[in-house]
Protein backbone atom coordinates (compact mmCIF):
# COMPACT_ATOMS: atom_id res chain seq x y z
CA MET A 1 -32.17 -57.69 -33.17
CA CYS A 2 -35.33 -55.84 -32.13
CA GLY A 3 -35.68 -52.66 -30.10
CA ILE A 4 -37.21 -52.02 -26.70
CA VAL A 5 -38.47 -48.95 -24.87
CA GLY A 6 -40.05 -48.45 -21.49
CA SER A 7 -40.85 -46.10 -18.66
CA VAL A 8 -41.45 -46.15 -14.92
CA LEU A 9 -43.75 -43.36 -13.71
CA PRO A 10 -45.54 -42.39 -10.50
CA PRO A 11 -48.94 -44.01 -9.81
CA GLY A 12 -51.76 -42.79 -11.99
CA GLY A 13 -49.46 -41.47 -14.70
CA SER A 14 -50.18 -42.07 -18.36
CA ASP A 15 -47.54 -42.32 -21.06
CA CYS A 16 -49.33 -44.39 -23.69
CA GLY A 17 -48.76 -41.85 -26.46
CA ASN A 18 -45.09 -41.37 -25.60
CA THR A 19 -44.40 -45.10 -25.53
CA GLY A 20 -46.02 -45.61 -28.91
CA LEU A 21 -44.01 -42.74 -30.39
CA SER A 22 -40.81 -44.14 -28.93
CA VAL A 23 -41.47 -47.59 -30.42
CA SER A 24 -42.01 -46.01 -33.83
CA ARG A 25 -38.53 -44.49 -33.67
CA LEU A 26 -37.11 -48.01 -33.44
CA SER A 27 -39.02 -49.46 -36.38
CA HIS A 28 -35.74 -50.01 -38.26
CA ARG A 29 -34.61 -52.37 -35.48
CA GLY A 30 -37.85 -54.32 -35.64
CA PRO A 31 -39.75 -53.92 -38.91
CA ASP A 32 -41.90 -57.03 -38.62
CA THR A 33 -44.26 -56.23 -35.75
CA ALA A 34 -44.54 -53.80 -32.84
CA GLY A 35 -46.49 -53.57 -29.62
CA GLU A 36 -46.71 -52.02 -26.17
CA ARG A 37 -48.19 -52.89 -22.79
CA HIS A 38 -48.80 -51.03 -19.52
CA PHE A 39 -48.66 -52.42 -15.99
CA GLN A 40 -49.82 -50.90 -12.72
CA LEU A 41 -47.56 -51.77 -9.80
CA PRO A 42 -48.44 -50.82 -6.23
CA TRP A 43 -45.99 -47.92 -6.37
CA GLY A 44 -45.98 -46.90 -10.03
CA LEU A 45 -46.98 -47.34 -13.67
CA VAL A 46 -44.65 -49.31 -15.96
CA SER A 47 -44.84 -49.33 -19.75
CA LEU A 48 -42.98 -51.61 -22.15
CA GLY A 49 -42.80 -51.40 -25.91
CA THR A 50 -40.98 -53.41 -28.57
CA ALA A 51 -40.33 -53.51 -32.29
CA ARG A 52 -39.50 -57.03 -33.49
CA LEU A 53 -37.20 -58.47 -36.14
CA LYS A 54 -38.19 -62.11 -36.61
CA ILE A 55 -35.16 -64.40 -36.53
CA VAL A 56 -36.54 -67.46 -34.73
CA ASP A 57 -40.29 -68.19 -34.49
CA GLN A 58 -41.99 -66.43 -37.37
CA SER A 59 -45.37 -66.47 -35.65
CA ASP A 60 -47.05 -63.69 -33.69
CA LEU A 61 -48.27 -65.88 -30.85
CA CYS A 62 -46.59 -63.60 -28.35
CA VAL A 63 -46.66 -59.85 -28.69
CA PRO A 64 -43.38 -59.12 -30.50
CA GLN A 65 -40.49 -59.75 -28.15
CA LEU A 66 -42.79 -58.61 -25.34
CA PHE A 67 -43.92 -61.71 -23.51
CA VAL A 68 -46.58 -61.34 -20.86
CA GLY A 69 -47.11 -64.47 -18.83
CA PRO A 70 -47.97 -65.49 -15.28
CA ARG A 71 -46.42 -62.92 -12.94
CA VAL A 72 -43.78 -61.70 -15.42
CA ALA A 73 -43.60 -59.42 -18.48
CA VAL A 74 -40.43 -59.26 -20.59
CA ALA A 75 -39.22 -56.87 -23.30
CA PHE A 76 -36.18 -58.33 -25.00
CA CYS A 77 -33.62 -57.28 -27.60
CA GLY A 78 -30.98 -59.73 -28.84
CA GLU A 79 -30.54 -63.50 -28.83
CA ILE A 80 -30.08 -66.18 -26.18
CA TYR A 81 -28.19 -68.82 -28.14
CA ASN A 82 -28.65 -71.60 -25.59
CA TRP A 83 -32.37 -70.97 -25.20
CA ARG A 84 -33.40 -74.45 -26.32
CA ALA A 85 -31.27 -76.08 -23.62
CA LEU A 86 -32.68 -73.65 -21.06
CA ARG A 87 -36.20 -74.32 -22.33
CA ALA A 88 -35.75 -78.05 -21.67
CA GLU A 89 -34.46 -77.29 -18.17
CA LEU A 90 -37.35 -74.92 -17.45
CA SER A 91 -40.16 -77.14 -18.73
CA ASP A 92 -42.45 -77.72 -15.78
CA GLY A 93 -45.47 -79.34 -17.37
CA GLN A 94 -46.96 -76.02 -18.43
CA PRO A 95 -47.40 -75.53 -22.20
CA TRP A 96 -45.21 -73.04 -24.01
CA GLU A 97 -47.00 -70.25 -25.86
CA SER A 98 -44.24 -69.54 -28.37
CA ASP A 99 -41.08 -70.98 -29.89
CA CYS A 100 -38.67 -68.14 -29.11
CA ASP A 101 -36.19 -67.11 -26.44
CA THR A 102 -38.24 -64.27 -24.95
CA GLU A 103 -40.63 -66.65 -23.23
CA VAL A 104 -37.63 -68.60 -21.94
CA VAL A 105 -36.37 -65.37 -20.33
CA ALA A 106 -39.72 -64.99 -18.55
CA ARG A 107 -39.60 -68.49 -17.09
CA ALA A 108 -35.92 -68.13 -16.25
CA TRP A 109 -36.75 -65.04 -14.19
CA ARG A 110 -39.46 -66.90 -12.31
CA ARG A 111 -37.05 -69.75 -11.56
CA TRP A 112 -33.74 -67.94 -10.91
CA GLY A 113 -34.43 -64.21 -10.69
CA ALA A 114 -31.41 -62.07 -11.58
CA GLY A 115 -29.29 -65.23 -11.39
CA MET A 116 -30.70 -66.16 -14.81
CA LEU A 117 -28.17 -63.85 -16.45
CA GLU A 118 -25.30 -66.15 -15.46
CA ARG A 119 -26.98 -68.96 -17.39
CA PHE A 120 -27.50 -67.01 -20.62
CA ASN A 121 -25.14 -67.47 -23.53
CA GLY A 122 -26.08 -64.54 -25.68
CA MET A 123 -26.34 -60.84 -26.36
CA PHE A 124 -29.18 -58.82 -24.91
CA GLY A 125 -30.70 -55.66 -23.58
CA LEU A 126 -33.78 -56.64 -21.58
CA ALA A 127 -36.45 -55.39 -19.21
CA VAL A 128 -38.42 -57.57 -16.81
CA VAL A 129 -41.50 -56.48 -14.89
CA ASP A 130 -42.28 -58.82 -11.99
CA LEU A 131 -45.95 -58.19 -11.27
CA LYS A 132 -45.96 -60.36 -8.16
CA VAL A 133 -43.21 -58.66 -6.18
CA GLY A 134 -43.51 -55.28 -7.92
CA VAL A 135 -40.04 -54.72 -9.39
CA VAL A 136 -38.57 -53.64 -12.72
CA PHE A 137 -35.24 -55.16 -13.77
CA LEU A 138 -33.00 -53.97 -16.62
CA ALA A 139 -29.88 -55.77 -17.79
CA ARG A 140 -27.29 -55.85 -20.54
CA ASP A 141 -25.10 -58.68 -21.83
CA ARG A 142 -21.53 -59.31 -20.67
CA ALA A 143 -19.68 -57.78 -23.61
CA GLY A 144 -22.17 -55.03 -24.43
CA GLU A 145 -23.26 -56.28 -27.85
CA LYS A 146 -26.82 -55.01 -27.41
CA PRO A 147 -27.44 -51.45 -26.18
CA LEU A 148 -29.61 -50.03 -23.41
CA TYR A 149 -29.84 -46.34 -22.44
CA TRP A 150 -31.75 -44.68 -19.63
CA ARG A 151 -32.76 -41.24 -18.49
CA ALA A 152 -34.23 -40.20 -15.14
CA GLY A 153 -35.74 -36.95 -13.92
CA GLY A 154 -38.89 -35.44 -12.51
CA GLY A 155 -39.83 -38.68 -10.79
CA GLU A 156 -39.74 -40.61 -14.08
CA LEU A 157 -37.33 -43.11 -15.61
CA TRP A 158 -37.17 -43.96 -19.31
CA PHE A 159 -35.09 -46.58 -21.08
CA ALA A 160 -34.59 -47.58 -24.72
CA SER A 161 -32.33 -49.49 -27.10
CA GLU A 162 -31.35 -46.25 -28.82
CA ILE A 163 -31.09 -42.68 -27.55
CA LYS A 164 -33.37 -41.32 -30.25
CA ALA A 165 -36.29 -43.26 -28.71
CA LEU A 166 -36.03 -41.45 -25.37
CA PRO A 167 -38.57 -38.64 -24.95
CA GLY A 168 -37.64 -35.04 -24.36
CA GLU A 169 -35.08 -32.67 -25.82
CA LEU A 170 -31.65 -34.03 -26.65
CA ARG A 171 -29.09 -31.40 -25.68
CA GLU A 172 -25.33 -31.76 -26.12
CA VAL A 173 -23.10 -31.57 -23.06
CA PRO A 174 -19.30 -31.89 -22.75
CA CYS A 175 -18.03 -35.46 -22.89
CA PRO A 176 -14.33 -35.92 -22.05
CA GLU A 177 -14.12 -39.33 -23.75
CA LEU A 178 -15.35 -37.81 -27.02
CA ASP A 179 -12.49 -35.31 -26.97
CA CYS A 180 -9.95 -37.97 -26.07
CA LEU A 181 -11.04 -40.93 -28.21
CA GLU A 182 -13.26 -39.36 -30.90
CA PHE A 183 -16.14 -41.42 -29.45
CA ASP A 184 -17.92 -41.98 -26.14
CA CYS A 185 -17.86 -45.36 -24.42
CA LEU A 186 -18.66 -45.07 -20.71
CA GLU A 187 -21.91 -44.50 -18.83
CA ALA A 188 -22.06 -40.78 -19.64
CA THR A 189 -23.04 -39.77 -23.17
CA PRO A 190 -22.74 -36.44 -25.02
CA PHE A 191 -26.47 -35.87 -24.36
CA SER A 192 -27.63 -34.20 -21.16
CA GLY A 193 -29.00 -36.70 -18.65
CA VAL A 194 -28.74 -39.70 -20.98
CA ARG A 195 -26.84 -42.60 -19.44
CA ARG A 196 -25.65 -45.88 -20.89
CA LEU A 197 -26.19 -49.10 -18.95
CA GLY A 198 -22.71 -50.61 -19.10
CA PRO A 199 -21.71 -54.05 -20.38
CA GLY A 200 -22.51 -56.66 -17.74
CA GLU A 201 -24.60 -54.21 -15.72
CA CYS A 202 -28.13 -54.37 -14.37
CA LEU A 203 -30.55 -51.98 -12.70
CA LEU A 204 -33.20 -52.97 -10.18
CA ILE A 205 -36.15 -50.61 -9.59
CA ARG A 206 -38.23 -51.44 -6.51
CA SER A 207 -39.74 -48.08 -5.61
CA LEU A 208 -40.05 -44.46 -6.62
CA GLU A 209 -36.91 -43.83 -4.57
CA ASP A 210 -35.03 -46.06 -7.01
CA VAL A 211 -36.59 -44.15 -9.90
CA ALA A 212 -35.31 -40.89 -8.46
CA ASP A 213 -31.83 -42.30 -7.78
CA PRO A 214 -31.06 -45.22 -10.15
CA ARG A 215 -27.94 -47.16 -9.21
CA PRO A 216 -26.74 -49.68 -11.80
CA ARG A 217 -24.49 -52.46 -10.55
CA ALA A 218 -22.28 -55.04 -12.24
CA TRP A 219 -23.62 -58.56 -12.53
CA TRP A 220 -20.54 -59.63 -14.52
CA VAL A 221 -17.04 -58.18 -14.88
CA LEU A 222 -14.24 -59.09 -17.24
CA PRO A 223 -12.10 -61.58 -15.29
CA ARG A 224 -8.49 -60.84 -14.60
CA GLY A 225 -5.87 -63.23 -15.87
CA GLY A 226 -4.07 -64.96 -13.04
CA GLU A 227 -0.74 -66.66 -12.81
CA ASP A 228 0.38 -68.94 -15.61
CA SER A 229 -1.43 -72.20 -14.89
CA GLY A 230 1.11 -74.22 -16.83
CA VAL A 231 -1.48 -75.30 -19.41
CA THR A 232 0.18 -76.87 -22.41
CA ARG A 233 -0.18 -75.43 -25.87
CA ALA A 234 -1.75 -78.66 -27.13
CA ALA A 235 -4.40 -78.71 -24.41
CA ALA A 236 -5.23 -75.04 -24.86
CA LEU A 237 -5.44 -75.50 -28.62
CA ASP A 238 -7.89 -78.40 -28.30
CA GLU A 239 -10.13 -76.48 -25.89
CA LEU A 240 -10.11 -73.26 -27.90
CA GLU A 241 -10.92 -75.06 -31.14
CA ALA A 242 -13.92 -76.78 -29.54
CA LEU A 243 -15.18 -73.50 -28.06
CA VAL A 244 -14.80 -71.55 -31.30
CA VAL A 245 -16.54 -74.19 -33.40
CA ASP A 246 -19.46 -74.46 -30.97
CA ALA A 247 -19.83 -70.67 -30.63
CA ILE A 248 -19.97 -70.20 -34.40
CA ARG A 249 -22.41 -73.04 -34.95
CA LEU A 250 -24.72 -71.68 -32.24
CA ARG A 251 -24.77 -68.32 -34.00
CA CYS A 252 -25.60 -69.86 -37.36
CA VAL A 253 -29.00 -70.97 -36.08
CA ALA A 254 -31.72 -68.86 -37.70
CA GLU A 255 -34.89 -69.21 -39.73
CA VAL A 256 -33.77 -66.41 -42.06
CA PRO A 257 -30.80 -66.01 -44.45
CA VAL A 258 -27.35 -65.71 -42.82
CA ALA A 259 -24.35 -63.87 -44.30
CA VAL A 260 -20.68 -63.56 -43.32
CA LEU A 261 -18.57 -60.40 -43.46
CA LEU A 262 -15.12 -61.26 -44.81
CA SER A 263 -12.42 -58.68 -44.20
CA GLY A 264 -9.61 -60.77 -45.60
CA GLY A 265 -8.28 -61.20 -42.07
CA LEU A 266 -7.91 -64.07 -39.63
CA ASP A 267 -11.03 -63.68 -37.50
CA SER A 268 -13.67 -63.58 -40.23
CA ALA A 269 -11.84 -66.39 -42.04
CA ILE A 270 -12.25 -68.58 -38.95
CA VAL A 271 -15.96 -67.76 -38.83
CA GLN A 272 -16.37 -68.77 -42.46
CA ALA A 273 -14.29 -71.94 -42.03
CA VAL A 274 -16.97 -73.21 -39.63
CA ALA A 275 -20.10 -71.50 -40.96
CA ARG A 276 -19.44 -72.40 -44.61
CA CYS A 277 -21.89 -69.69 -45.61
CA ASP A 278 -22.57 -68.98 -49.29
CA ALA A 279 -23.59 -65.33 -48.74
CA LEU A 280 -20.24 -63.53 -48.40
CA TYR A 281 -19.45 -59.81 -48.51
CA CYS A 282 -16.25 -57.78 -48.40
CA CYS A 283 -15.54 -54.03 -48.32
CA SER A 284 -12.55 -53.32 -50.55
CA PHE A 285 -10.82 -50.43 -52.31
CA GLU A 286 -8.52 -52.10 -54.82
CA ASP A 287 -8.05 -48.97 -56.90
CA ASP A 288 -6.88 -47.04 -53.85
CA GLY A 289 -4.38 -49.50 -52.41
CA LEU A 290 -6.65 -51.35 -49.95
CA ASP A 291 -7.37 -54.72 -51.58
CA ASN A 292 -9.25 -57.04 -49.21
CA MET A 293 -10.87 -59.12 -51.95
CA ARG A 294 -7.92 -61.39 -52.71
CA ALA A 295 -7.70 -62.73 -49.17
CA ALA A 296 -11.50 -62.73 -48.80
CA ARG A 297 -11.82 -65.05 -51.78
CA GLN A 298 -9.27 -67.38 -50.22
CA ALA A 299 -11.21 -67.32 -46.94
CA ALA A 300 -14.44 -68.17 -48.78
CA ALA A 301 -12.98 -71.65 -49.36
CA GLY A 302 -15.20 -72.25 -52.36
CA ALA A 303 -18.43 -71.95 -50.38
CA GLY A 304 -19.69 -68.99 -52.39
CA GLU A 305 -18.71 -65.97 -54.44
CA VAL A 306 -17.55 -63.00 -52.38
CA ILE A 307 -19.58 -59.91 -53.22
CA PRO A 308 -17.42 -56.76 -53.21
CA VAL A 309 -18.80 -53.57 -51.67
CA ARG A 310 -17.07 -50.37 -52.75
CA PHE A 311 -17.70 -46.65 -52.38
CA GLY A 312 -15.84 -43.37 -52.73
CA LEU A 313 -15.56 -40.05 -50.94
CA ALA A 314 -18.75 -38.68 -52.52
CA GLU A 315 -20.75 -41.72 -51.41
CA LEU A 316 -19.27 -41.47 -47.91
CA ARG A 317 -20.32 -37.87 -47.52
CA ALA A 318 -23.75 -38.55 -48.98
CA VAL A 319 -24.62 -41.18 -46.35
CA LEU A 320 -22.84 -39.59 -43.39
CA PRO A 321 -25.95 -37.74 -42.09
CA ARG A 322 -27.90 -41.01 -41.92
CA VAL A 323 -24.93 -42.86 -40.44
CA ALA A 324 -24.60 -40.21 -37.74
CA TYR A 325 -28.32 -40.35 -36.99
CA HIS A 326 -28.35 -44.11 -36.52
CA LEU A 327 -25.16 -44.16 -34.45
CA ASP A 328 -26.74 -41.93 -31.77
CA THR A 329 -23.27 -40.57 -30.94
CA PRO A 330 -20.15 -40.00 -33.09
CA ALA A 331 -17.94 -42.89 -34.24
CA THR A 332 -15.22 -43.70 -36.78
CA TRP A 333 -15.20 -44.46 -40.49
CA THR A 334 -15.74 -48.17 -39.88
CA ALA A 335 -19.42 -47.29 -39.48
CA VAL A 336 -19.57 -45.99 -43.06
CA CYS A 337 -18.04 -49.22 -44.36
CA GLN A 338 -20.61 -51.19 -42.39
CA TRP A 339 -23.43 -48.98 -43.64
CA HIS A 340 -22.66 -49.91 -47.24
CA LEU A 341 -22.04 -53.58 -46.40
CA PHE A 342 -25.28 -54.01 -44.48
CA GLU A 343 -27.23 -52.04 -47.06
CA ARG A 344 -26.13 -54.54 -49.73
CA ILE A 345 -26.78 -57.58 -47.54
CA ALA A 346 -30.29 -56.34 -46.74
CA ALA A 347 -30.98 -55.67 -50.42
CA ASP A 348 -30.00 -59.29 -51.12
CA GLY A 349 -32.47 -60.59 -48.52
CA GLY A 350 -30.07 -61.25 -45.64
CA ARG A 351 -31.22 -60.87 -42.04
CA VAL A 352 -28.37 -62.25 -39.89
CA VAL A 353 -24.67 -61.36 -40.27
CA LEU A 354 -21.69 -63.10 -38.66
CA SER A 355 -18.55 -61.05 -37.95
CA GLY A 356 -15.30 -61.24 -36.00
CA GLU A 357 -15.53 -58.54 -33.32
CA GLY A 358 -13.74 -59.19 -30.04
CA ALA A 359 -10.97 -61.51 -31.17
CA ASP A 360 -8.29 -58.80 -31.28
CA GLU A 361 -8.97 -57.60 -27.73
CA LEU A 362 -9.20 -61.13 -26.31
CA PHE A 363 -6.28 -62.73 -28.14
CA TRP A 364 -4.09 -59.62 -28.47
CA GLY A 365 -4.29 -59.18 -32.20
CA TYR A 366 -3.59 -55.51 -32.85
CA SER A 367 -0.20 -54.65 -34.31
CA ARG A 368 0.36 -52.08 -31.56
CA TYR A 369 0.34 -54.96 -29.08
CA ARG A 370 3.56 -56.27 -30.66
CA LEU A 371 5.25 -52.97 -29.89
CA LEU A 372 4.00 -53.14 -26.31
CA SER A 373 5.16 -56.74 -26.11
CA HIS A 374 8.71 -55.72 -26.91
CA LEU A 375 8.53 -53.05 -24.19
CA ASP A 376 7.23 -55.69 -21.77
CA SER A 377 10.15 -57.95 -22.61
CA ALA A 378 12.59 -55.13 -21.98
CA ALA A 379 10.94 -54.33 -18.64
CA LEU A 380 11.37 -57.94 -17.51
CA ASP A 381 14.93 -58.32 -18.80
CA PRO A 382 17.05 -59.01 -15.68
CA LEU A 383 20.04 -57.34 -17.30
CA LEU A 384 18.06 -54.09 -17.53
CA GLY A 385 16.63 -54.13 -14.03
CA ALA A 386 19.01 -51.48 -12.76
CA TYR A 387 17.98 -49.18 -15.59
CA ARG A 388 14.37 -48.85 -14.46
CA PRO A 389 14.84 -45.13 -13.63
CA THR A 390 16.22 -44.55 -17.12
CA ARG A 391 13.24 -46.33 -18.66
CA GLU A 392 10.81 -44.21 -16.67
CA LYS A 393 12.67 -41.05 -17.65
CA LEU A 394 12.30 -42.02 -21.32
CA LEU A 395 8.78 -43.47 -21.29
CA GLY A 396 7.13 -42.65 -18.00
CA SER A 397 5.21 -45.28 -16.04
CA GLU A 398 3.34 -48.17 -17.68
CA ALA A 399 0.06 -46.27 -17.27
CA ASP A 400 1.64 -43.20 -18.91
CA VAL A 401 2.65 -45.29 -21.94
CA LEU A 402 -0.86 -46.68 -22.34
CA ALA A 403 -2.49 -43.28 -21.90
CA ARG A 404 -0.36 -41.73 -24.64
CA LEU A 405 -1.15 -44.63 -26.96
CA LEU A 406 -4.88 -44.41 -26.23
CA ASN A 407 -5.19 -40.64 -26.58
CA ARG A 408 -6.36 -39.37 -29.98
CA GLY A 409 -6.96 -35.83 -28.76
CA GLY A 410 -4.51 -33.07 -27.98
CA PRO A 411 -2.34 -32.69 -24.87
CA GLY A 412 -5.37 -31.48 -22.93
CA ALA A 413 -7.06 -34.86 -23.37
CA LEU A 414 -4.13 -36.85 -21.96
CA SER A 415 -5.45 -36.65 -18.40
CA THR A 416 -8.73 -38.21 -19.59
CA ALA A 417 -6.79 -41.02 -21.25
CA ARG A 418 -4.89 -41.63 -18.02
CA LYS A 419 -8.14 -41.81 -16.06
CA LEU A 420 -9.49 -44.34 -18.58
CA VAL A 421 -6.40 -46.52 -18.19
CA ASP A 422 -6.59 -46.35 -14.39
CA ARG A 423 -10.28 -47.22 -14.42
CA CYS A 424 -10.22 -49.96 -17.06
CA ALA A 425 -6.84 -51.61 -16.53
CA GLY A 426 -6.26 -50.90 -12.86
CA GLU A 427 -2.66 -51.07 -11.67
CA VAL A 428 -0.36 -51.86 -14.62
CA ARG A 429 2.90 -53.37 -13.46
CA PRO A 430 6.13 -53.84 -15.43
CA GLY A 431 5.60 -56.51 -18.07
CA GLN A 432 1.82 -55.89 -18.24
CA LEU A 433 1.56 -53.31 -21.01
CA VAL A 434 -0.16 -55.68 -23.44
CA SER A 435 -2.63 -57.06 -20.94
CA GLY A 436 -3.32 -53.56 -19.63
CA MET A 437 -3.96 -52.18 -23.09
CA ALA A 438 -6.22 -55.11 -24.00
CA ARG A 439 -8.32 -54.57 -20.86
CA THR A 440 -8.52 -50.85 -21.54
CA GLU A 441 -9.59 -51.38 -25.14
CA TRP A 442 -12.20 -53.94 -24.09
CA HIS A 443 -13.96 -51.13 -22.23
CA THR A 444 -13.28 -48.41 -24.80
CA THR A 445 -12.42 -49.22 -28.43
CA MET A 446 -14.31 -52.51 -28.48
CA GLN A 447 -17.43 -50.81 -27.15
CA LEU A 448 -17.28 -48.48 -30.14
CA LEU A 449 -16.82 -51.41 -32.54
CA LEU A 450 -19.84 -53.18 -31.07
CA ARG A 451 -21.96 -50.03 -31.20
CA MET A 452 -21.11 -49.45 -34.86
CA ALA A 453 -21.88 -53.06 -35.77
CA ASP A 454 -25.18 -53.00 -33.88
CA ARG A 455 -26.39 -49.63 -35.20
CA MET A 456 -25.39 -50.08 -38.82
CA ALA A 457 -26.96 -53.55 -38.90
CA ALA A 458 -30.09 -52.27 -37.16
CA ALA A 459 -30.38 -49.36 -39.60
CA HIS A 460 -30.97 -51.97 -42.31
CA SER A 461 -33.07 -54.32 -40.14
CA LEU A 462 -30.28 -56.88 -39.73
CA GLU A 463 -28.88 -58.70 -36.70
CA ASN A 464 -25.11 -58.79 -36.22
CA ARG A 465 -23.64 -61.75 -34.31
CA ALA A 466 -20.07 -62.00 -33.00
CA PRO A 467 -19.05 -65.60 -32.14
CA PHE A 468 -15.78 -64.63 -30.43
CA LEU A 469 -17.82 -62.83 -27.75
CA ASP A 470 -19.32 -66.08 -26.52
CA HIS A 471 -18.73 -65.75 -22.77
CA ARG A 472 -16.99 -69.14 -22.67
CA ILE A 473 -14.39 -67.86 -25.15
CA ILE A 474 -14.04 -64.58 -23.25
CA GLU A 475 -13.31 -66.32 -19.98
CA PHE A 476 -10.99 -68.85 -21.62
CA ALA A 477 -9.01 -66.14 -23.42
CA VAL A 478 -8.56 -63.96 -20.34
CA ALA A 479 -7.21 -66.94 -18.38
CA LEU A 480 -4.66 -67.84 -21.08
CA PRO A 481 -1.03 -67.10 -20.23
CA ALA A 482 0.59 -64.42 -22.35
CA ARG A 483 2.97 -66.95 -23.94
CA LEU A 484 0.01 -68.53 -25.76
CA LYS A 485 -1.45 -65.27 -27.07
CA ILE A 486 1.57 -63.35 -28.29
CA ASP A 487 5.19 -64.10 -29.03
CA PRO A 488 8.04 -62.23 -30.76
CA ASP A 489 6.78 -63.32 -34.17
CA TRP A 490 2.97 -63.38 -33.98
CA THR A 491 -0.01 -61.74 -32.36
CA LYS A 492 -3.04 -64.00 -31.72
CA ALA A 493 -0.59 -66.91 -31.70
CA LEU A 494 -2.94 -69.63 -30.45
CA LEU A 495 -5.86 -68.42 -32.55
CA ARG A 496 -3.70 -68.68 -35.67
CA ASP A 497 -3.06 -72.34 -34.85
CA VAL A 498 -6.80 -72.93 -34.44
CA ALA A 499 -7.39 -71.30 -37.81
CA GLU A 500 -4.93 -73.64 -39.51
CA ARG A 501 -6.63 -76.64 -37.92
CA LEU A 502 -9.93 -75.41 -39.36
CA GLY A 503 -8.47 -75.12 -42.84
CA VAL A 504 -7.88 -71.38 -43.11
CA PRO A 505 -5.16 -70.84 -45.75
CA VAL A 506 -1.64 -70.20 -44.50
CA SER A 507 -1.59 -67.03 -46.60
CA ILE A 508 -4.12 -65.66 -44.10
CA THR A 509 -2.96 -67.28 -40.86
CA ARG A 510 0.61 -66.06 -41.36
CA GLU A 511 -0.18 -62.67 -42.86
CA ARG A 512 1.48 -59.76 -41.03
CA THR A 513 0.24 -56.55 -42.64
CA LYS A 514 -3.56 -56.82 -42.44
CA ARG A 515 -5.24 -53.62 -41.27
CA GLY A 516 -8.68 -53.19 -39.80
CA LEU A 517 -11.76 -52.14 -41.74
CA ALA A 518 -10.13 -49.00 -43.13
CA ILE A 519 -10.81 -46.58 -45.96
CA PRO A 520 -8.25 -44.71 -48.12
CA TRP A 521 -9.13 -41.42 -46.44
CA ALA A 522 -5.67 -39.90 -46.91
CA ARG A 523 -5.71 -40.59 -50.66
CA TRP A 524 -9.31 -39.41 -51.08
CA THR A 525 -8.69 -36.14 -49.25
CA GLY A 526 -5.21 -35.44 -50.64
CA THR A 527 -3.36 -35.84 -47.34
CA GLU A 528 -1.24 -38.84 -48.34
CA GLY A 529 1.93 -37.21 -47.09
CA GLY A 530 0.64 -37.42 -43.55
CA ASN A 531 -0.06 -40.30 -41.19
CA PRO A 532 -2.26 -42.89 -43.00
CA TRP A 533 -3.80 -43.80 -39.63
CA GLU A 534 -4.87 -40.23 -38.91
CA ARG A 535 -8.66 -39.92 -38.66
CA GLY A 536 -8.83 -36.33 -37.50
CA GLY A 537 -10.35 -35.01 -40.73
CA PHE A 538 -13.01 -37.69 -40.76
CA ALA A 539 -13.72 -37.24 -37.04
CA SER A 540 -14.41 -33.56 -37.68
CA GLU A 541 -16.88 -34.35 -40.47
CA MET A 542 -18.58 -37.00 -38.38
CA LEU A 543 -18.95 -34.63 -35.43
CA SER A 544 -20.47 -32.00 -37.70
CA ALA A 545 -22.92 -34.49 -39.23
CA TRP A 546 -23.94 -35.72 -35.76
CA ARG A 547 -24.57 -32.23 -34.45
CA SER A 548 -26.63 -31.35 -37.50
CA ALA A 549 -28.76 -34.48 -37.20
CA TYR A 550 -29.59 -33.98 -33.55
CA ARG A 551 -30.41 -30.28 -33.81
CA LEU A 552 -33.45 -31.24 -35.89
CA ASP A 553 -36.96 -31.32 -34.49
CA ARG A 554 -38.51 -34.71 -33.83
CA THR A 555 -40.50 -34.84 -37.08
CA SER A 556 -37.45 -34.08 -39.20
CA LEU A 557 -35.30 -36.39 -37.10
CA ALA A 558 -37.58 -39.34 -37.77
CA ALA A 559 -37.63 -38.52 -41.47
CA CYS A 560 -33.83 -38.42 -41.56
CA GLY A 561 -33.69 -42.05 -40.50
């Protein structure tokens, strides 16, 4: 996990006190050790700070996650899962000072520069200071599992793993995505001047001109699925099974206890089928009609007893201020479920958690995708071709359909939803509703899911790992033809077949009614007659809790966490 902070200031500046204070605000991300360093470049002063959670290499041979070696200094948050293979490739006769991936990042930079990112299989937010050529380089992983924020002004640039570690006043500003989605997900945040480095983006700082006008660029973008390659189901099944098994096994490597979150659904059951972990946890509300325990016990496959985690409305409201504080910006009720889950795992001594994020977006698992699939089939029906004008009169264009489905705000937010669809999905042609929605949700809903998992784990000094976001699986899934991901009967069609090969019970692989990590909000709040999917009441409480937390002064804010 870990947390990083840093600054780039004009020559002769001094920010030692600010950097130390910023590191202290990330102590939950890295409770084991902390440190900071300062570097004078020809054109400016650079400071790096880290707070470390020890997952691999329990020593303190290198300053925590802040490796300073010949020519290069690195501050690193996350995990490079293939670091041992890279270490062997980068061995050049010089002794290694540590047994962790941060030093591998330093040598990778010296060998490949920014091209190193293409070789990393992992999740990360990182900062590199190249003392020889005088540059600062920031980057974030492909999917956006690990966060990195930045703020520039007055000739200074600051960056940090969490917004609360940035210096200066945090002032709320309008955020269209927050009104439309009930959360923010793009580069702009609801805080004035605070920007998010996007998934697969990097930022190169070579001069004070770059400090004054930072320009992030993409080093990786989600590929677009091409034409149907004709791959057979059998061949695709073999390849996907091998990728999934390897991705899960890579993420099981740790020198600390590992746990698995079981939701009772397909994705976490696949993770457990390979991991065979004996520390298993499930959030369930049997007394309120949301029983996840029965399926979770089946998914455990006898490897261990599933520990139930339950809470009620009073407990939700009691922890909401702390949840809002750690989230940085508002989110959904999933974060409260994760708060209680991770709190229990940490109390039991866990440090690494495996979960199933990403599978639904990549393999088209959401139930709403089935509805879109039927609309796609109708759009491609040759007998209905002449009725295209009638279809558009009823539904609007493909982009209109997706915008209405995405929008959780009122009519005034619909234009924002349409802009999100246009930006994230691009042109959506007839028959591409499912693929367009999946691409849109990769950049929106999934970013929220990853932020909640990261922040709630970090709040309890845990590291969350998502095997389905291995970049090899991402690129494989995007290239799959639609016929292998969804059919009239099943979402995640190919992934269900992989699950059965791995021994996941048929009662899970062929289950049709599983919901996401939900809470019985309607029953708790007496609104059962309404839409059970409606989160408006919770969103209002979350927004209020967030605004209260971030109106506090810095001393109180730190105490709140």
